[in-house]
Amino acid sequence: MTKNQLFRKVPPKNVVIKVLNVFGLEGFDDQRYFSRKDLDSIKCVQNMNLHIKPILADFYLPCKSRTYLNDLTTKNVITILRQIVRLYNYNIISREKYIKGDKFIIYQLTPNEDKRYRQITIENIKENRKACIVSFD
């Protein structure tokens, strides 16, 4: 029985933390930014191939395992990280940053309920009571 379109079963939290450690993050509460250049310097792709790929192959569906776990690049490993942390209600947010005229994409692990990215709904307005409703009669 499959869990969703990608996984046979949900990877346990300790496996997800091992994946986060390969990215240089200490856990789900780590708010550090990282870029592809940072991942190259800590040899993230090589560590994923050696240590994490065999573990993750057990959790992915076979057809998705062939798609995502073969020929790993920095772009692929970020995609894998996004897929795994989504199961635990987290996101990887990307932003562009310019350093000395060079453009980099930086990534950060954030919880889904982060207020900066929450959609405004009537329930949120009632919760916060900071909004003012104006009616024109």
C-alpha atoms as a PDB file:
ATOM      1  CA  MET A   1       0.000   0.000   0.000  1.00  0.00           C
ATOM      2  CA  THR A   2       1.440   3.362  -0.998  1.00  0.00           C
ATOM      3  CA  LYS A   3       1.474   6.441   1.191  1.00  0.00           C
ATOM      4  CA  ASN A   4       1.251   8.950  -1.663  1.00  0.00           C
ATOM      5  CA  GLN A   5       2.449   9.327  -5.231  1.00  0.00           C
ATOM      6  CA  LEU A   6       6.129   9.179  -4.247  1.00  0.00           C
ATOM      7  CA  PHE A   7       6.534   6.930  -1.240  1.00  0.00           C
ATOM      8  CA  ARG A   8       5.628   3.370  -0.288  1.00  0.00           C
ATOM      9  CA  LYS A   9       5.770   4.364   3.360  1.00  0.00           C
ATOM     10  CA  VAL A  10       6.709   7.550   5.173  1.00  0.00           C
ATOM     11  CA  PRO A  11      10.401   7.740   6.087  1.00  0.00           C
ATOM     12  CA  PRO A  12      10.785   7.930   9.873  1.00  0.00           C
ATOM     13  CA  LYS A  13      11.942  11.161  11.438  1.00  0.00           C
ATOM     14  CA  ASN A  14      15.438   9.828  12.179  1.00  0.00           C
ATOM     15  CA  VAL A  15      15.976   9.125   8.451  1.00  0.00           C
ATOM     16  CA  VAL A  16      14.819  12.649   7.602  1.00  0.00           C
ATOM     17  CA  ILE A  17      17.227  14.079  10.176  1.00  0.00           C
ATOM     18  CA  LYS A  18      20.073  12.096   8.557  1.00  0.00           C
ATOM     19  CA  VAL A  19      19.141  13.705   5.233  1.00  0.00           C
ATOM     20  CA  LEU A  20      19.094  17.145   6.888  1.00  0.00           C
ATOM     21  CA  ASN A  21      22.547  16.449   8.365  1.00  0.00           C
ATOM     22  CA  VAL A  22      23.912  15.738   4.878  1.00  0.00           C
ATOM     23  CA  PHE A  23      22.718  19.226   3.900  1.00  0.00           C
ATOM     24  CA  GLY A  24      24.548  20.751   6.863  1.00  0.00           C
ATOM     25  CA  LEU A  25      21.368  21.303   8.869  1.00  0.00           C
ATOM     26  CA  GLU A  26      21.120  20.059  12.427  1.00  0.00           C
ATOM     27  CA  GLY A  27      17.401  19.358  12.521  1.00  0.00           C
ATOM     28  CA  PHE A  28      13.978  20.736  11.730  1.00  0.00           C
ATOM     29  CA  ASP A  29      14.571  23.863  13.839  1.00  0.00           C
ATOM     30  CA  ASP A  30      17.695  24.892  11.907  1.00  0.00           C
ATOM     31  CA  GLN A  31      16.881  28.137  10.045  1.00  0.00           C
ATOM     32  CA  ARG A  32      20.201  28.545   8.213  1.00  0.00           C
ATOM     33  CA  TYR A  33      20.336  29.465   4.556  1.00  0.00           C
ATOM     34  CA  PHE A  34      22.281  27.345   2.081  1.00  0.00           C
ATOM     35  CA  SER A  35      23.023  27.527  -1.629  1.00  0.00           C
ATOM     36  CA  ARG A  36      24.142  25.048  -4.268  1.00  0.00           C
ATOM     37  CA  LYS A  37      27.686  26.331  -3.826  1.00  0.00           C
ATOM     38  CA  ASP A  38      27.497  25.473  -0.114  1.00  0.00           C
ATOM     39  CA  LEU A  39      26.256  21.981  -0.967  1.00  0.00           C
ATOM     40  CA  ASP A  40      29.204  21.489  -3.341  1.00  0.00           C
ATOM     41  CA  SER A  41      31.673  22.559  -0.651  1.00  0.00           C
ATOM     42  CA  ILE A  42      30.317  20.074   1.917  1.00  0.00           C
ATOM     43  CA  LYS A  43      30.091  17.323  -0.749  1.00  0.00           C
ATOM     44  CA  CYS A  44      26.375  16.811  -0.274  1.00  0.00           C
ATOM     45  CA  VAL A  45      25.855  14.847  -3.500  1.00  0.00           C
ATOM     46  CA  GLN A  46      28.655  12.402  -2.698  1.00  0.00           C
ATOM     47  CA  ASN A  47      27.320  11.857   0.833  1.00  0.00           C
ATOM     48  CA  MET A  48      23.808  11.327  -0.505  1.00  0.00           C
ATOM     49  CA  ASN A  49      25.115   8.705  -2.943  1.00  0.00           C
ATOM     50  CA  LEU A  50      27.135   6.861  -0.304  1.00  0.00           C
ATOM     51  CA  HIS A  51      24.985   7.008   2.814  1.00  0.00           C
ATOM     52  CA  ILE A  52      21.425   8.131   2.126  1.00  0.00           C
ATOM     53  CA  LYS A  53      20.527   6.754  -1.313  1.00  0.00           C
ATOM     54  CA  PRO A  54      20.333   3.080  -0.190  1.00  0.00           C
ATOM     55  CA  ILE A  55      18.133   4.051   2.752  1.00  0.00           C
ATOM     56  CA  LEU A  56      15.764   6.195   0.694  1.00  0.00           C
ATOM     57  CA  ALA A  57      15.407   3.546  -2.009  1.00  0.00           C
ATOM     58  CA  ASP A  58      13.397   1.466   0.475  1.00  0.00           C
ATOM     59  CA  PHE A  59      10.852   4.259   0.966  1.00  0.00           C
ATOM     60  CA  TYR A  60      10.362   5.536  -2.588  1.00  0.00           C
ATOM     61  CA  LEU A  61       8.139   3.733  -5.059  1.00  0.00           C
ATOM     62  CA  PRO A  62      10.371   1.839  -7.532  1.00  0.00           C
ATOM     63  CA  CYS A  63       9.468   4.020 -10.531  1.00  0.00           C
ATOM     64  CA  LYS A  64      10.081   7.218  -8.524  1.00  0.00           C
ATOM     65  CA  SER A  65      13.279   5.820  -7.082  1.00  0.00           C
ATOM     66  CA  ARG A  66      14.663   5.391 -10.595  1.00  0.00           C
ATOM     67  CA  THR A  67      13.639   8.946 -11.464  1.00  0.00           C
ATOM     68  CA  TYR A  68      14.888  10.800  -8.397  1.00  0.00           C
ATOM     69  CA  LEU A  69      17.713   8.701  -6.944  1.00  0.00           C
ATOM     70  CA  ASN A  70      19.747   7.989 -10.105  1.00  0.00           C
ATOM     71  CA  ASP A  71      22.370  10.445 -11.417  1.00  0.00           C
ATOM     72  CA  LEU A  72      22.180  12.770  -8.418  1.00  0.00           C
ATOM     73  CA  THR A  73      23.087  16.438  -8.842  1.00  0.00           C
ATOM     74  CA  THR A  74      22.742  19.376  -6.467  1.00  0.00           C
ATOM     75  CA  LYS A  75      19.429  20.239  -8.090  1.00  0.00           C
ATOM     76  CA  ASN A  76      18.134  16.678  -7.614  1.00  0.00           C
ATOM     77  CA  VAL A  77      19.144  16.446  -3.963  1.00  0.00           C
ATOM     78  CA  ILE A  78      17.304  19.701  -3.209  1.00  0.00           C
ATOM     79  CA  THR A  79      14.215  18.201  -4.863  1.00  0.00           C
ATOM     80  CA  ILE A  80      14.560  15.083  -2.714  1.00  0.00           C
ATOM     81  CA  LEU A  81      14.875  17.244   0.395  1.00  0.00           C
ATOM     82  CA  ARG A  82      11.714  19.165  -0.567  1.00  0.00           C
ATOM     83  CA  GLN A  83       9.775  15.937  -1.035  1.00  0.00           C
ATOM     84  CA  ILE A  84      10.854  14.457   2.276  1.00  0.00           C
ATOM     85  CA  VAL A  85      10.356  17.487   4.518  1.00  0.00           C
ATOM     86  CA  ARG A  86       6.911  18.083   2.992  1.00  0.00           C
ATOM     87  CA  LEU A  87       5.790  14.860   4.712  1.00  0.00           C
ATOM     88  CA  TYR A  88       6.529  16.468   8.081  1.00  0.00           C
ATOM     89  CA  ASN A  89       4.777  19.772   7.298  1.00  0.00           C
ATOM     90  CA  TYR A  90       7.912  21.727   6.327  1.00  0.00           C
ATOM     91  CA  ASN A  91       8.920  23.543   3.137  1.00  0.00           C
ATOM     92  CA  ILE A  92      12.154  24.524   1.436  1.00  0.00           C
ATOM     93  CA  ILE A  93      11.834  28.163   0.434  1.00  0.00           C
ATOM     94  CA  SER A  94      14.086  29.570  -2.267  1.00  0.00           C
ATOM     95  CA  ARG A  95      15.106  33.197  -2.832  1.00  0.00           C
ATOM     96  CA  GLU A  96      17.472  34.978  -5.175  1.00  0.00           C
ATOM     97  CA  LYS A  97      20.420  36.802  -3.677  1.00  0.00           C
ATOM     98  CA  TYR A  98      23.092  38.891  -5.386  1.00  0.00           C
ATOM     99  CA  ILE A  99      26.646  38.858  -4.036  1.00  0.00           C
ATOM    100  CA  LYS A 100      29.177  41.040  -5.865  1.00  0.00           C
ATOM    101  CA  GLY A 101      27.102  40.945  -9.026  1.00  0.00           C
ATOM    102  CA  ASP A 102      26.623  37.163  -9.030  1.00  0.00           C
ATOM    103  CA  LYS A 103      23.149  35.732  -8.597  1.00  0.00           C
ATOM    104  CA  PHE A 104      22.653  32.829  -6.183  1.00  0.00           C
ATOM    105  CA  ILE A 105      19.551  30.962  -5.160  1.00  0.00           C
ATOM    106  CA  ILE A 106      19.489  30.452  -1.412  1.00  0.00           C
ATOM    107  CA  TYR A 107      17.313  27.888   0.327  1.00  0.00           C
ATOM    108  CA  GLN A 108      15.866  27.702   3.825  1.00  0.00           C
ATOM    109  CA  LEU A 109      13.880  25.103   5.752  1.00  0.00           C
ATOM    110  CA  THR A 110      10.664  26.603   7.184  1.00  0.00           C
ATOM    111  CA  PRO A 111       7.552  25.153   8.812  1.00  0.00           C
ATOM    112  CA  ASN A 112       4.343  25.294   6.769  1.00  0.00           C
ATOM    113  CA  GLU A 113       2.575  27.372   9.388  1.00  0.00           C
ATOM    114  CA  ASP A 114       5.109  30.188   9.001  1.00  0.00           C
ATOM    115  CA  LYS A 115       3.074  33.389   9.241  1.00  0.00           C
ATOM    116  CA  ARG A 116       5.011  35.146   6.474  1.00  0.00           C
ATOM    117  CA  TYR A 117       3.714  32.660   3.916  1.00  0.00           C
ATOM    118  CA  ARG A 118       0.257  31.966   5.291  1.00  0.00           C
ATOM    119  CA  GLN A 119      -2.716  32.736   3.105  1.00  0.00           C
ATOM    120  CA  ILE A 120      -5.093  35.368   4.439  1.00  0.00           C
ATOM    121  CA  THR A 121      -8.506  33.901   5.136  1.00  0.00           C
ATOM    122  CA  ILE A 122     -11.539  35.063   7.103  1.00  0.00           C
ATOM    123  CA  GLU A 123     -10.567  32.651   9.909  1.00  0.00           C
ATOM    124  CA  ASN A 124      -7.109  34.271  10.135  1.00  0.00           C
ATOM    125  CA  ILE A 125      -8.661  37.707  10.333  1.00  0.00           C
ATOM    126  CA  LYS A 126     -11.002  36.602  13.116  1.00  0.00           C
ATOM    127  CA  GLU A 127      -8.056  35.009  14.970  1.00  0.00           C
ATOM    128  CA  ASN A 128      -5.800  38.042  14.806  1.00  0.00           C
ATOM    129  CA  ARG A 129      -8.433  40.793  15.104  1.00  0.00           C
ATOM    130  CA  LYS A 130      -5.893  43.190  13.593  1.00  0.00           C
ATOM    131  CA  ALA A 131      -7.791  43.692  10.365  1.00  0.00           C
ATOM    132  CA  CYS A 132     -10.416  46.353   9.921  1.00  0.00           C
ATOM    133  CA  ILE A 133     -13.475  45.677   7.783  1.00  0.00           C
ATOM    134  CA  VAL A 134     -14.912  48.684   6.005  1.00  0.00           C
ATOM    135  CA  SER A 135     -18.354  48.593   4.484  1.00  0.00           C
ATOM    136  CA  PHE A 136     -19.764  51.205   2.115  1.00  0.00           C
ATOM    137  CA  ASP A 137     -23.490  51.722   2.550  1.00  0.00           C
END
